[in-house]
Amino acid sequence: MQFLFIGRVPEGVAAEQVMSHVQPEAQKVWEEYSAEVVRSIHYIADMSGAVLMCEAESLSAMQKIVEEFPMVKAGVLKIEVLPLKPYTGLESLFAKS
């Protein structure tokens, strides 16, 4: 199952609080990338956070993985996990009448 993971630093969290977690966070992302959980990672264009495309067996499995990210554990990253499913809207363009 695929998931969109949106992570943002909450308002009021100082940059200094975040910076001490950057390297451990990058390490965890790399571990999950190597384990084929994280498929891609991008900054949000205004640099307010990051977006990860991920795969896991279920939403509960994905949430358990997310809870292990150092910035999430430290409370300096607010996350939203959105379950995704295949888009089937294109089918109507090619359906035979």
Foldseek 3Di string as FASTA:
>chain_A
DKKKKWKFFDPPDDPVLVVVQVVQLVVLLVVQVVVQFWVDKDADVVNRTIITMGDDPDPVRVVVSVCPRPCNVSVRMDMDMGDDDDDDVCVVVVDDD
